[in-house]
Amino acid sequence: MKRALAALVLASLSCALAASPLSVSGTVTGDVPAGARVGAWLVNVSGAPVTELGSVAVQDGRFSLSVADAAPPARSVSALSAMDLTWPGVTGDATVTPNVRTAEARLFVYGDANGNGRRDESEALLEAGVQSGRASVVLVYVDRDANVKGDRGLNVDLAGGWNSVSIELGKALKTSVARGASGVRLVVTR
């Protein structure tokens, strides 16, 4: 009985750790609207926002946002194929193994004019490029572990769930993957 209980506790702990939220934090600069909020939005294959996953108010030019490590709605998930990779600097041939289902989230900034803590139709969404040092950051969900390989040394191991992929451009692509990104810079332009 004690062994069974210990195994159950360990299994619960490992599930809780695996389901940790994706967290992104840093600063917001540029043409930031009054009452600004940063929101993580699922985007379609053309990059248009579809569903907000969560948002947080910008305080003194800083933000800290968490996205639950839950599967996105089925309508926002599609097969990850090399042809659909819109990651910065990723061009040419790429392979994805095994076949996985994926979704991408992008960060947008909007002015919460009425202070209700959510975006209303009248509040414009402003896309904000996510930078970590010299790298661009991509937020990607996969339904199971996968590997993406391609030209210029691209080799990214994604863990099932949400991943923060940093891609630094150069002769070869430098990449890193984490469950979150801190110290990022969002640059808002209108």
C-alpha atoms as a PDB file:
ATOM      1  CA  MET A   1       0.000   0.000   0.000  1.00  0.00           C
ATOM      2  CA  LYS A   2       2.823   2.419   0.886  1.00  0.00           C
ATOM      3  CA  ARG A   3       4.602   1.670  -2.408  1.00  0.00           C
ATOM      4  CA  ALA A   4       1.406   2.238  -4.382  1.00  0.00           C
ATOM      5  CA  LEU A   5       0.808   5.536  -2.560  1.00  0.00           C
ATOM      6  CA  ALA A   6       4.422   6.636  -3.139  1.00  0.00           C
ATOM      7  CA  ALA A   7       4.146   5.755  -6.843  1.00  0.00           C
ATOM      8  CA  LEU A   8       0.894   7.731  -7.093  1.00  0.00           C
ATOM      9  CA  VAL A   9       2.484  10.784  -5.418  1.00  0.00           C
ATOM     10  CA  LEU A  10       5.536  10.612  -7.724  1.00  0.00           C
ATOM     11  CA  ALA A  11       3.313  10.269 -10.801  1.00  0.00           C
ATOM     12  CA  SER A  12       1.247  13.275  -9.697  1.00  0.00           C
ATOM     13  CA  LEU A  13       4.362  15.354  -9.112  1.00  0.00           C
ATOM     14  CA  SER A  14       5.857  14.484 -12.499  1.00  0.00           C
ATOM     15  CA  CYS A  15       2.556  15.378 -14.220  1.00  0.00           C
ATOM     16  CA  ALA A  16       2.418  18.683 -12.355  1.00  0.00           C
ATOM     17  CA  LEU A  17       5.982  19.503 -13.350  1.00  0.00           C
ATOM     18  CA  ALA A  18       5.394  18.526 -16.979  1.00  0.00           C
ATOM     19  CA  ALA A  19       2.286  20.714 -17.101  1.00  0.00           C
ATOM     20  CA  SER A  20       4.035  23.864 -15.928  1.00  0.00           C
ATOM     21  CA  PRO A  21       2.803  26.994 -17.674  1.00  0.00           C
ATOM     22  CA  LEU A  22       4.742  28.796 -20.375  1.00  0.00           C
ATOM     23  CA  SER A  23       5.922  32.070 -18.887  1.00  0.00           C
ATOM     24  CA  VAL A  24       7.151  35.115 -20.764  1.00  0.00           C
ATOM     25  CA  SER A  25       8.352  38.271 -19.035  1.00  0.00           C
ATOM     26  CA  GLY A  26      10.259  41.402 -19.901  1.00  0.00           C
ATOM     27  CA  THR A  27       9.803  44.974 -21.071  1.00  0.00           C
ATOM     28  CA  VAL A  28       7.544  46.730 -23.564  1.00  0.00           C
ATOM     29  CA  THR A  29       8.945  49.599 -25.629  1.00  0.00           C
ATOM     30  CA  GLY A  30       7.900  51.675 -28.617  1.00  0.00           C
ATOM     31  CA  ASP A  31       4.473  53.132 -29.357  1.00  0.00           C
ATOM     32  CA  VAL A  32       2.741  51.665 -26.274  1.00  0.00           C
ATOM     33  CA  PRO A  33      -0.927  52.690 -25.844  1.00  0.00           C
ATOM     34  CA  ALA A  34      -2.339  53.996 -22.556  1.00  0.00           C
ATOM     35  CA  GLY A  35      -3.643  51.223 -20.273  1.00  0.00           C
ATOM     36  CA  ALA A  36      -1.581  48.679 -22.211  1.00  0.00           C
ATOM     37  CA  ARG A  37      -2.005  44.927 -21.818  1.00  0.00           C
ATOM     38  CA  VAL A  38       0.132  42.176 -23.327  1.00  0.00           C
ATOM     39  CA  GLY A  39      -1.856  39.230 -24.633  1.00  0.00           C
ATOM     40  CA  ALA A  40      -0.757  35.845 -25.976  1.00  0.00           C
ATOM     41  CA  TRP A  41      -2.910  34.962 -28.983  1.00  0.00           C
ATOM     42  CA  LEU A  42      -3.163  31.773 -30.987  1.00  0.00           C
ATOM     43  CA  VAL A  43      -2.616  32.677 -34.627  1.00  0.00           C
ATOM     44  CA  ASN A  44      -3.693  31.002 -37.856  1.00  0.00           C
ATOM     45  CA  VAL A  45      -1.208  29.967 -40.561  1.00  0.00           C
ATOM     46  CA  SER A  46      -1.159  33.507 -41.970  1.00  0.00           C
ATOM     47  CA  GLY A  47      -0.326  34.970 -38.529  1.00  0.00           C
ATOM     48  CA  ALA A  48      -3.719  36.547 -37.808  1.00  0.00           C
ATOM     49  CA  PRO A  49      -4.848  36.382 -34.152  1.00  0.00           C
ATOM     50  CA  VAL A  50      -7.675  33.918 -33.491  1.00  0.00           C
ATOM     51  CA  THR A  51      -8.013  33.197 -29.750  1.00  0.00           C
ATOM     52  CA  GLU A  52      -6.531  34.962 -26.724  1.00  0.00           C
ATOM     53  CA  LEU A  53      -4.822  32.557 -24.312  1.00  0.00           C
ATOM     54  CA  GLY A  54      -4.290  35.157 -21.596  1.00  0.00           C
ATOM     55  CA  SER A  55      -3.243  38.727 -20.966  1.00  0.00           C
ATOM     56  CA  VAL A  56      -1.640  40.872 -18.314  1.00  0.00           C
ATOM     57  CA  ALA A  57      -1.388  44.612 -17.665  1.00  0.00           C
ATOM     58  CA  VAL A  58       1.864  46.401 -18.420  1.00  0.00           C
ATOM     59  CA  GLN A  59       3.230  47.932 -15.198  1.00  0.00           C
ATOM     60  CA  ASP A  60       5.996  50.547 -15.459  1.00  0.00           C
ATOM     61  CA  GLY A  61       6.960  49.200 -18.889  1.00  0.00           C
ATOM     62  CA  ARG A  62       7.225  45.585 -17.648  1.00  0.00           C
ATOM     63  CA  PHE A  63       5.042  42.492 -17.954  1.00  0.00           C
ATOM     64  CA  SER A  64       4.978  38.873 -16.784  1.00  0.00           C
ATOM     65  CA  LEU A  65       2.553  36.550 -18.575  1.00  0.00           C
ATOM     66  CA  SER A  66       1.790  32.859 -18.028  1.00  0.00           C
ATOM     67  CA  VAL A  67       0.031  30.592 -20.508  1.00  0.00           C
ATOM     68  CA  ALA A  68      -1.422  27.352 -19.136  1.00  0.00           C
ATOM     69  CA  ASP A  69       0.238  24.265 -20.603  1.00  0.00           C
ATOM     70  CA  ALA A  70      -3.056  22.935 -21.938  1.00  0.00           C
ATOM     71  CA  ALA A  71      -3.787  21.850 -25.470  1.00  0.00           C
ATOM     72  CA  PRO A  72      -5.144  24.706 -27.590  1.00  0.00           C
ATOM     73  CA  PRO A  73      -8.657  24.361 -29.058  1.00  0.00           C
ATOM     74  CA  ALA A  74      -8.771  21.797 -31.885  1.00  0.00           C
ATOM     75  CA  ARG A  75      -9.629  24.484 -34.481  1.00  0.00           C
ATOM     76  CA  SER A  76      -6.288  26.204 -33.736  1.00  0.00           C
ATOM     77  CA  VAL A  77      -4.125  23.090 -34.092  1.00  0.00           C
ATOM     78  CA  SER A  78      -2.759  21.749 -37.380  1.00  0.00           C
ATOM     79  CA  ALA A  79      -0.073  19.388 -38.596  1.00  0.00           C
ATOM     80  CA  LEU A  80       3.432  20.818 -38.262  1.00  0.00           C
ATOM     81  CA  SER A  81       5.010  20.677 -41.684  1.00  0.00           C
ATOM     82  CA  ALA A  82       8.212  22.155 -43.037  1.00  0.00           C
ATOM     83  CA  MET A  83       6.197  24.239 -45.506  1.00  0.00           C
ATOM     84  CA  ASP A  84       4.295  25.942 -42.687  1.00  0.00           C
ATOM     85  CA  LEU A  85       7.301  27.007 -40.600  1.00  0.00           C
ATOM     86  CA  THR A  86       7.195  30.777 -40.339  1.00  0.00           C
ATOM     87  CA  TRP A  87      10.006  31.028 -37.823  1.00  0.00           C
ATOM     88  CA  PRO A  88      12.467  33.889 -38.367  1.00  0.00           C
ATOM     89  CA  GLY A  89      15.429  32.866 -40.533  1.00  0.00           C
ATOM     90  CA  VAL A  90      14.071  29.394 -41.289  1.00  0.00           C
ATOM     91  CA  THR A  91      14.158  28.912 -45.051  1.00  0.00           C
ATOM     92  CA  GLY A  92      14.788  26.050 -47.433  1.00  0.00           C
ATOM     93  CA  ASP A  93      14.339  22.383 -46.676  1.00  0.00           C
ATOM     94  CA  ALA A  94      13.272  21.304 -43.203  1.00  0.00           C
ATOM     95  CA  THR A  95      12.063  18.052 -41.692  1.00  0.00           C
ATOM     96  CA  VAL A  96       9.779  17.451 -38.733  1.00  0.00           C
ATOM     97  CA  THR A  97       9.871  14.076 -36.951  1.00  0.00           C
ATOM     98  CA  PRO A  98       7.617  12.513 -35.897  1.00  0.00           C
ATOM     99  CA  ASN A  99       4.380  13.929 -37.324  1.00  0.00           C
ATOM    100  CA  VAL A 100       2.941  16.277 -34.707  1.00  0.00           C
ATOM    101  CA  ARG A 101       0.068  18.683 -34.291  1.00  0.00           C
ATOM    102  CA  THR A 102       1.013  22.253 -33.509  1.00  0.00           C
ATOM    103  CA  ALA A 103      -0.179  25.772 -32.762  1.00  0.00           C
ATOM    104  CA  GLU A 104       1.694  29.057 -32.575  1.00  0.00           C
ATOM    105  CA  ALA A 105       1.063  31.966 -30.240  1.00  0.00           C
ATOM    106  CA  ARG A 106       2.186  35.534 -30.762  1.00  0.00           C
ATOM    107  CA  LEU A 107       2.228  38.448 -28.376  1.00  0.00           C
ATOM    108  CA  PHE A 108       0.069  41.471 -29.072  1.00  0.00           C
ATOM    109  CA  VAL A 109      -0.322  44.716 -27.141  1.00  0.00           C
ATOM    110  CA  TYR A 110      -3.571  46.653 -26.857  1.00  0.00           C
ATOM    111  CA  GLY A 111      -4.822  49.620 -24.885  1.00  0.00           C
ATOM    112  CA  ASP A 112      -7.482  48.498 -22.410  1.00  0.00           C
ATOM    113  CA  ALA A 113      -9.460  51.745 -22.744  1.00  0.00           C
ATOM    114  CA  ASN A 114     -12.275  50.772 -20.387  1.00  0.00           C
ATOM    115  CA  GLY A 115     -10.070  48.924 -17.862  1.00  0.00           C
ATOM    116  CA  ASN A 116     -12.087  45.689 -17.979  1.00  0.00           C
ATOM    117  CA  GLY A 117      -8.984  43.474 -18.192  1.00  0.00           C
ATOM    118  CA  ARG A 118      -9.767  42.047 -21.621  1.00  0.00           C
ATOM    119  CA  ARG A 119      -9.699  43.150 -25.236  1.00  0.00           C
ATOM    120  CA  ASP A 120     -12.852  44.585 -26.769  1.00  0.00           C
ATOM    121  CA  GLU A 121     -13.509  44.839 -30.530  1.00  0.00           C
ATOM    122  CA  SER A 122     -12.834  48.588 -30.467  1.00  0.00           C
ATOM    123  CA  GLU A 123      -9.314  48.093 -29.026  1.00  0.00           C
ATOM    124  CA  ALA A 124      -6.675  47.661 -31.742  1.00  0.00           C
ATOM    125  CA  LEU A 125      -4.272  44.721 -31.498  1.00  0.00           C
ATOM    126  CA  LEU A 126      -0.686  45.757 -32.102  1.00  0.00           C
ATOM    127  CA  GLU A 127       1.739  42.938 -32.890  1.00  0.00           C
ATOM    128  CA  ALA A 128       4.914  43.150 -30.850  1.00  0.00           C
ATOM    129  CA  GLY A 129       8.120  41.499 -32.023  1.00  0.00           C
ATOM    130  CA  VAL A 130       9.600  39.374 -29.225  1.00  0.00           C
ATOM    131  CA  GLN A 131      13.378  39.704 -28.841  1.00  0.00           C
ATOM    132  CA  SER A 132      15.755  38.073 -26.377  1.00  0.00           C
ATOM    133  CA  GLY A 133      19.116  39.719 -26.861  1.00  0.00           C
ATOM    134  CA  ARG A 134      19.831  39.277 -30.589  1.00  0.00           C
ATOM    135  CA  ALA A 135      17.417  36.349 -30.934  1.00  0.00           C
ATOM    136  CA  SER A 136      13.787  36.304 -32.033  1.00  0.00           C
ATOM    137  CA  VAL A 137      11.452  34.267 -29.848  1.00  0.00           C
ATOM    138  CA  VAL A 138       8.701  31.976 -31.171  1.00  0.00           C
ATOM    139  CA  LEU A 139       6.012  30.441 -28.922  1.00  0.00           C
ATOM    140  CA  VAL A 140       4.984  27.041 -30.258  1.00  0.00           C
ATOM    141  CA  TYR A 141       2.811  24.188 -28.987  1.00  0.00           C
ATOM    142  CA  VAL A 142       3.301  20.557 -30.048  1.00  0.00           C
ATOM    143  CA  ASP A 143       1.157  17.615 -28.985  1.00  0.00           C
ATOM    144  CA  ARG A 144       4.224  15.423 -28.329  1.00  0.00           C
ATOM    145  CA  ASP A 145       8.009  15.580 -28.424  1.00  0.00           C
ATOM    146  CA  ALA A 146       9.381  16.408 -31.867  1.00  0.00           C
ATOM    147  CA  ASN A 147      12.529  17.457 -33.705  1.00  0.00           C
ATOM    148  CA  VAL A 148      12.776  20.112 -36.418  1.00  0.00           C
ATOM    149  CA  LYS A 149      15.890  20.055 -38.632  1.00  0.00           C
ATOM    150  CA  GLY A 150      16.745  22.267 -41.559  1.00  0.00           C
ATOM    151  CA  ASP A 151      19.195  24.376 -43.475  1.00  0.00           C
ATOM    152  CA  ARG A 152      21.815  26.563 -41.784  1.00  0.00           C
ATOM    153  CA  GLY A 153      22.166  24.210 -38.813  1.00  0.00           C
ATOM    154  CA  LEU A 154      18.560  24.323 -37.636  1.00  0.00           C
ATOM    155  CA  ASN A 155      18.086  21.564 -35.060  1.00  0.00           C
ATOM    156  CA  VAL A 156      15.323  22.133 -32.506  1.00  0.00           C
ATOM    157  CA  ASP A 157      14.020  19.551 -30.013  1.00  0.00           C
ATOM    158  CA  LEU A 158      10.504  20.470 -28.887  1.00  0.00           C
ATOM    159  CA  ALA A 159       8.927  18.974 -25.773  1.00  0.00           C
ATOM    160  CA  GLY A 160       5.234  18.126 -25.802  1.00  0.00           C
ATOM    161  CA  GLY A 161       3.318  21.243 -24.684  1.00  0.00           C
ATOM    162  CA  TRP A 162       4.297  24.898 -25.031  1.00  0.00           C
ATOM    163  CA  ASN A 163       7.879  25.825 -25.943  1.00  0.00           C
ATOM    164  CA  SER A 164       9.742  29.100 -26.233  1.00  0.00           C
ATOM    165  CA  VAL A 165      12.138  28.825 -29.184  1.00  0.00           C
ATOM    166  CA  SER A 166      14.905  31.447 -29.490  1.00  0.00           C
ATOM    167  CA  ILE A 167      16.410  31.811 -32.961  1.00  0.00           C
ATOM    168  CA  GLU A 168      19.487  33.962 -33.536  1.00  0.00           C
ATOM    169  CA  LEU A 169      20.248  34.720 -37.153  1.00  0.00           C
ATOM    170  CA  GLY A 170      23.739  34.455 -38.605  1.00  0.00           C
ATOM    171  CA  LYS A 171      25.616  32.235 -41.045  1.00  0.00           C
ATOM    172  CA  ALA A 172      24.224  29.386 -38.964  1.00  0.00           C
ATOM    173  CA  LEU A 173      21.069  29.579 -36.906  1.00  0.00           C
ATOM    174  CA  LYS A 174      21.627  29.437 -33.151  1.00  0.00           C
ATOM    175  CA  THR A 175      18.607  28.033 -31.352  1.00  0.00           C
ATOM    176  CA  SER A 176      17.544  27.216 -27.838  1.00  0.00           C
ATOM    177  CA  VAL A 177      14.312  25.867 -26.392  1.00  0.00           C
ATOM    178  CA  ALA A 178      12.810  26.474 -22.952  1.00  0.00           C
ATOM    179  CA  ARG A 179       9.458  26.386 -21.152  1.00  0.00           C
ATOM    180  CA  GLY A 180       9.544  30.165 -20.972  1.00  0.00           C
ATOM    181  CA  ALA A 181      11.457  33.315 -21.730  1.00  0.00           C
ATOM    182  CA  SER A 182      12.484  36.019 -19.296  1.00  0.00           C
ATOM    183  CA  GLY A 183      14.100  39.347 -19.996  1.00  0.00           C
ATOM    184  CA  VAL A 184      12.514  39.620 -23.433  1.00  0.00           C
ATOM    185  CA  ARG A 185      11.840  42.922 -25.144  1.00  0.00           C
ATOM    186  CA  LEU A 186       8.560  43.612 -26.941  1.00  0.00           C
ATOM    187  CA  VAL A 187       8.823  46.366 -29.513  1.00  0.00           C
ATOM    188  CA  VAL A 188       5.454  47.893 -30.432  1.00  0.00           C
ATOM    189  CA  THR A 189       5.060  49.699 -33.745  1.00  0.00           C
ATOM    190  CA  ARG A 190       1.887  51.050 -35.309  1.00  0.00           C
END
